[in-house]
Amino acid sequence: MGTAGVGRALGDVNVFRLPIIIQELPPALNGLKILHLFDLYLQTFSNLNIENILTRAAEHEPDLVVITGDICDDLTLLPDTLDVIAQLESLLGVCACLGNHGYFRRIKQVRRIHDASAVPLYFGAGHWFPFRLGCPPEAPIIELQRV
């Protein structure tokens, strides 16, 4: 792991609100809040506390929790981490897709862990998010707003 990874492992995660303005947003999606979890790289020596992150995120009352990969570098931590994330109350639930580390760290094992969890893994599907967020470690609460 490089120095940036060590810094993330020993630091904290910035939980913040990030409004996204979309001109043609359907009225039904106006105000939708998405907790976007990514690139936490949890490891046995990490100081990151997923419960603390989720407690802070829950204050924003997300409607959907989306995990876009690389939550745990130590796969022994992934089952419990997914269980904790799945318990976060959100109207539309929790879903996940693989990050690049999921492909390189025993992909079959990662898929089996997800299959045994309450967090569905979208694999090989054409889901696309039309925006790219800042660099980790962040856990933005994305709020869609209509202009």
C-alpha atoms as a PDB file:
ATOM      1  CA  MET A   1       0.000   0.000   0.000  1.00  0.00           C
ATOM      2  CA  GLY A   2       1.307   3.438  -0.890  1.00  0.00           C
ATOM      3  CA  THR A   3       1.587   6.445   1.394  1.00  0.00           C
ATOM      4  CA  ALA A   4      -1.845   7.704   0.345  1.00  0.00           C
ATOM      5  CA  GLY A   5      -3.372   4.379   1.413  1.00  0.00           C
ATOM      6  CA  VAL A   6      -1.587   4.523   4.782  1.00  0.00           C
ATOM      7  CA  GLY A   7      -2.894   8.056   5.289  1.00  0.00           C
ATOM      8  CA  ARG A   8      -6.463   6.930   4.601  1.00  0.00           C
ATOM      9  CA  ALA A   9      -6.134   3.918   6.893  1.00  0.00           C
ATOM     10  CA  LEU A  10      -4.941   6.046   9.787  1.00  0.00           C
ATOM     11  CA  GLY A  11      -7.247   9.012   9.154  1.00  0.00           C
ATOM     12  CA  ASP A  12     -10.961   9.648   9.306  1.00  0.00           C
ATOM     13  CA  VAL A  13     -13.705   9.804   6.699  1.00  0.00           C
ATOM     14  CA  ASN A  14     -15.293  13.099   5.732  1.00  0.00           C
ATOM     15  CA  VAL A  15     -19.099  12.716   5.822  1.00  0.00           C
ATOM     16  CA  PHE A  16     -20.720  15.686   4.104  1.00  0.00           C
ATOM     17  CA  ARG A  17     -23.730  16.792   2.052  1.00  0.00           C
ATOM     18  CA  LEU A  18     -23.134  17.338  -1.679  1.00  0.00           C
ATOM     19  CA  PRO A  19     -26.063  18.838  -3.613  1.00  0.00           C
ATOM     20  CA  ILE A  20     -26.216  17.810  -7.276  1.00  0.00           C
ATOM     21  CA  ILE A  21     -28.372  20.074  -9.453  1.00  0.00           C
ATOM     22  CA  ILE A  22     -30.007  18.319 -12.418  1.00  0.00           C
ATOM     23  CA  GLN A  23     -32.163  20.439 -14.728  1.00  0.00           C
ATOM     24  CA  GLU A  24     -34.423  17.683 -16.042  1.00  0.00           C
ATOM     25  CA  LEU A  25     -34.641  15.713 -12.775  1.00  0.00           C
ATOM     26  CA  PRO A  26     -38.018  13.968 -12.502  1.00  0.00           C
ATOM     27  CA  PRO A  27     -40.059  15.503  -9.666  1.00  0.00           C
ATOM     28  CA  ALA A  28     -40.253  12.114  -7.895  1.00  0.00           C
ATOM     29  CA  LEU A  29     -36.448  12.165  -7.458  1.00  0.00           C
ATOM     30  CA  ASN A  30     -36.230  15.727  -6.155  1.00  0.00           C
ATOM     31  CA  GLY A  31     -34.564  15.630  -2.746  1.00  0.00           C
ATOM     32  CA  LEU A  32     -33.412  11.995  -3.040  1.00  0.00           C
ATOM     33  CA  LYS A  33     -30.395  11.507  -0.752  1.00  0.00           C
ATOM     34  CA  ILE A  34     -27.782   8.872  -1.612  1.00  0.00           C
ATOM     35  CA  LEU A  35     -25.015   7.807   0.762  1.00  0.00           C
ATOM     36  CA  HIS A  36     -22.056   6.954  -1.472  1.00  0.00           C
ATOM     37  CA  LEU A  37     -19.499   4.689   0.257  1.00  0.00           C
ATOM     38  CA  PHE A  38     -16.268   3.949  -1.577  1.00  0.00           C
ATOM     39  CA  ASP A  39     -12.526   3.459  -1.163  1.00  0.00           C
ATOM     40  CA  LEU A  40     -12.456   2.999   2.629  1.00  0.00           C
ATOM     41  CA  TYR A  41      -9.883   0.173   2.315  1.00  0.00           C
ATOM     42  CA  LEU A  42     -10.707  -1.238   5.778  1.00  0.00           C
ATOM     43  CA  GLN A  43      -7.902  -3.399   7.134  1.00  0.00           C
ATOM     44  CA  THR A  44      -7.133  -5.012  10.447  1.00  0.00           C
ATOM     45  CA  PHE A  45      -4.750  -2.166  11.354  1.00  0.00           C
ATOM     46  CA  SER A  46      -7.084   0.584  10.117  1.00  0.00           C
ATOM     47  CA  ASN A  47      -8.304   3.254  12.522  1.00  0.00           C
ATOM     48  CA  LEU A  48     -11.466   3.772  10.483  1.00  0.00           C
ATOM     49  CA  ASN A  49     -14.613   2.881  12.387  1.00  0.00           C
ATOM     50  CA  ILE A  50     -17.490   1.946  10.067  1.00  0.00           C
ATOM     51  CA  GLU A  51     -20.055   2.328  12.853  1.00  0.00           C
ATOM     52  CA  ASN A  52     -18.882   5.901  13.482  1.00  0.00           C
ATOM     53  CA  ILE A  53     -19.026   6.706   9.762  1.00  0.00           C
ATOM     54  CA  LEU A  54     -22.563   5.312   9.466  1.00  0.00           C
ATOM     55  CA  THR A  55     -23.752   7.104  12.621  1.00  0.00           C
ATOM     56  CA  ARG A  56     -22.643  10.407  11.117  1.00  0.00           C
ATOM     57  CA  ALA A  57     -24.156   9.506   7.748  1.00  0.00           C
ATOM     58  CA  ALA A  58     -27.482   8.471   9.341  1.00  0.00           C
ATOM     59  CA  GLU A  59     -27.938  12.039  10.593  1.00  0.00           C
ATOM     60  CA  HIS A  60     -28.503  12.992   6.929  1.00  0.00           C
ATOM     61  CA  GLU A  61     -31.248  10.339   6.558  1.00  0.00           C
ATOM     62  CA  PRO A  62     -30.120   8.849   3.218  1.00  0.00           C
ATOM     63  CA  ASP A  63     -32.816   7.335   0.985  1.00  0.00           C
ATOM     64  CA  LEU A  64     -30.349   4.960  -0.699  1.00  0.00           C
ATOM     65  CA  VAL A  65     -26.931   3.579   0.246  1.00  0.00           C
ATOM     66  CA  VAL A  66     -24.604   2.799  -2.664  1.00  0.00           C
ATOM     67  CA  ILE A  67     -21.276   1.024  -2.170  1.00  0.00           C
ATOM     68  CA  THR A  68     -19.070   1.482  -5.225  1.00  0.00           C
ATOM     69  CA  GLY A  69     -16.243  -0.761  -4.178  1.00  0.00           C
ATOM     70  CA  ASP A  70     -13.031  -1.080  -2.250  1.00  0.00           C
ATOM     71  CA  ILE A  71     -14.621  -0.990   1.211  1.00  0.00           C
ATOM     72  CA  CYS A  72     -12.392  -3.720   2.705  1.00  0.00           C
ATOM     73  CA  ASP A  73      -8.896  -4.688   1.642  1.00  0.00           C
ATOM     74  CA  ASP A  74      -8.976  -7.395   4.339  1.00  0.00           C
ATOM     75  CA  LEU A  75     -11.758  -9.687   3.116  1.00  0.00           C
ATOM     76  CA  THR A  76     -12.209 -11.213   6.578  1.00  0.00           C
ATOM     77  CA  LEU A  77     -13.736  -7.839   7.547  1.00  0.00           C
ATOM     78  CA  LEU A  78     -16.147  -7.688   4.601  1.00  0.00           C
ATOM     79  CA  PRO A  79     -19.019  -9.886   5.934  1.00  0.00           C
ATOM     80  CA  ASP A  80     -19.379  -7.947   9.201  1.00  0.00           C
ATOM     81  CA  THR A  81     -18.891  -4.621   7.407  1.00  0.00           C
ATOM     82  CA  LEU A  82     -21.689  -5.433   4.947  1.00  0.00           C
ATOM     83  CA  ASP A  83     -23.939  -6.513   7.829  1.00  0.00           C
ATOM     84  CA  VAL A  84     -23.361  -3.196   9.616  1.00  0.00           C
ATOM     85  CA  ILE A  85     -23.971  -1.176   6.430  1.00  0.00           C
ATOM     86  CA  ALA A  86     -27.152  -3.164   5.657  1.00  0.00           C
ATOM     87  CA  GLN A  87     -28.576  -2.146   9.047  1.00  0.00           C
ATOM     88  CA  LEU A  88     -28.485   1.547   8.146  1.00  0.00           C
ATOM     89  CA  GLU A  89     -32.075   2.675   7.709  1.00  0.00           C
ATOM     90  CA  SER A  90     -32.740   3.890   4.182  1.00  0.00           C
ATOM     91  CA  LEU A  91     -35.978   3.990   2.229  1.00  0.00           C
ATOM     92  CA  LEU A  92     -34.549   2.280  -0.871  1.00  0.00           C
ATOM     93  CA  GLY A  93     -32.020   0.004   0.829  1.00  0.00           C
ATOM     94  CA  VAL A  94     -28.373  -0.751   0.085  1.00  0.00           C
ATOM     95  CA  CYS A  95     -26.679  -1.964  -3.094  1.00  0.00           C
ATOM     96  CA  ALA A  96     -23.083  -2.442  -4.228  1.00  0.00           C
ATOM     97  CA  CYS A  97     -20.817  -2.858  -7.194  1.00  0.00           C
ATOM     98  CA  LEU A  98     -17.189  -3.936  -7.301  1.00  0.00           C
ATOM     99  CA  GLY A  99     -14.281  -1.537  -7.216  1.00  0.00           C
ATOM    100  CA  ASN A 100     -10.948  -2.315  -8.818  1.00  0.00           C
ATOM    101  CA  HIS A 101      -9.670  -3.983  -5.606  1.00  0.00           C
ATOM    102  CA  GLY A 102     -12.615  -6.410  -5.701  1.00  0.00           C
ATOM    103  CA  TYR A 103     -11.407  -7.664  -9.058  1.00  0.00           C
ATOM    104  CA  PHE A 104      -7.842  -8.114  -7.848  1.00  0.00           C
ATOM    105  CA  ARG A 105      -8.599  -9.564  -4.396  1.00  0.00           C
ATOM    106  CA  ARG A 106     -10.161 -12.959  -5.011  1.00  0.00           C
ATOM    107  CA  ILE A 107     -13.248 -11.898  -6.949  1.00  0.00           C
ATOM    108  CA  LYS A 108     -15.017 -15.222  -6.394  1.00  0.00           C
ATOM    109  CA  GLN A 109     -14.669 -14.828  -2.627  1.00  0.00           C
ATOM    110  CA  VAL A 110     -15.958 -11.237  -2.776  1.00  0.00           C
ATOM    111  CA  ARG A 111     -19.001 -12.382  -4.755  1.00  0.00           C
ATOM    112  CA  ARG A 112     -19.689 -15.256  -2.307  1.00  0.00           C
ATOM    113  CA  ILE A 113     -19.516 -12.842   0.635  1.00  0.00           C
ATOM    114  CA  HIS A 114     -22.010 -10.510  -1.044  1.00  0.00           C
ATOM    115  CA  ASP A 115     -24.287 -13.409  -1.979  1.00  0.00           C
ATOM    116  CA  ALA A 116     -24.432 -14.402   1.711  1.00  0.00           C
ATOM    117  CA  SER A 117     -25.138 -10.821   2.825  1.00  0.00           C
ATOM    118  CA  ALA A 118     -28.151  -8.533   2.688  1.00  0.00           C
ATOM    119  CA  VAL A 119     -26.272  -6.220   0.287  1.00  0.00           C
ATOM    120  CA  PRO A 120     -26.897  -7.115  -3.368  1.00  0.00           C
ATOM    121  CA  LEU A 121     -23.886  -6.871  -5.656  1.00  0.00           C
ATOM    122  CA  TYR A 122     -24.548  -5.543  -9.156  1.00  0.00           C
ATOM    123  CA  PHE A 123     -22.117  -7.421 -11.321  1.00  0.00           C
ATOM    124  CA  GLY A 124     -21.913  -7.150 -15.091  1.00  0.00           C
ATOM    125  CA  ALA A 125     -24.911  -4.814 -15.192  1.00  0.00           C
ATOM    126  CA  GLY A 126     -24.889  -1.547 -17.074  1.00  0.00           C
ATOM    127  CA  HIS A 127     -25.554   0.810 -14.174  1.00  0.00           C
ATOM    128  CA  TRP A 128     -24.038   4.227 -14.792  1.00  0.00           C
ATOM    129  CA  PHE A 129     -23.738   7.248 -12.515  1.00  0.00           C
ATOM    130  CA  PRO A 130     -23.377  10.506 -14.484  1.00  0.00           C
ATOM    131  CA  PHE A 131     -20.972  12.142 -12.049  1.00  0.00           C
ATOM    132  CA  ARG A 132     -17.587  11.565 -10.421  1.00  0.00           C
ATOM    133  CA  LEU A 133     -17.020  12.626  -6.846  1.00  0.00           C
ATOM    134  CA  GLY A 134     -13.877  13.876  -5.144  1.00  0.00           C
ATOM    135  CA  CYS A 135     -10.981  11.827  -3.890  1.00  0.00           C
ATOM    136  CA  PRO A 136     -11.379   9.521  -0.879  1.00  0.00           C
ATOM    137  CA  PRO A 137     -11.694   9.309   2.012  1.00  0.00           C
ATOM    138  CA  GLU A 138     -15.172  10.730   1.717  1.00  0.00           C
ATOM    139  CA  ALA A 139     -18.713   9.507   2.281  1.00  0.00           C
ATOM    140  CA  PRO A 140     -20.853  12.141   0.606  1.00  0.00           C
ATOM    141  CA  ILE A 141     -24.584  12.344   1.067  1.00  0.00           C
ATOM    142  CA  ILE A 142     -25.630  13.186  -2.482  1.00  0.00           C
ATOM    143  CA  GLU A 143     -28.886  15.103  -2.639  1.00  0.00           C
ATOM    144  CA  LEU A 144     -30.514  15.343  -6.040  1.00  0.00           C
ATOM    145  CA  GLN A 145     -32.216  18.682  -6.625  1.00  0.00           C
ATOM    146  CA  ARG A 146     -34.301  19.916  -9.512  1.00  0.00           C
ATOM    147  CA  VAL A 147     -33.582  23.378 -10.889  1.00  0.00           C
END
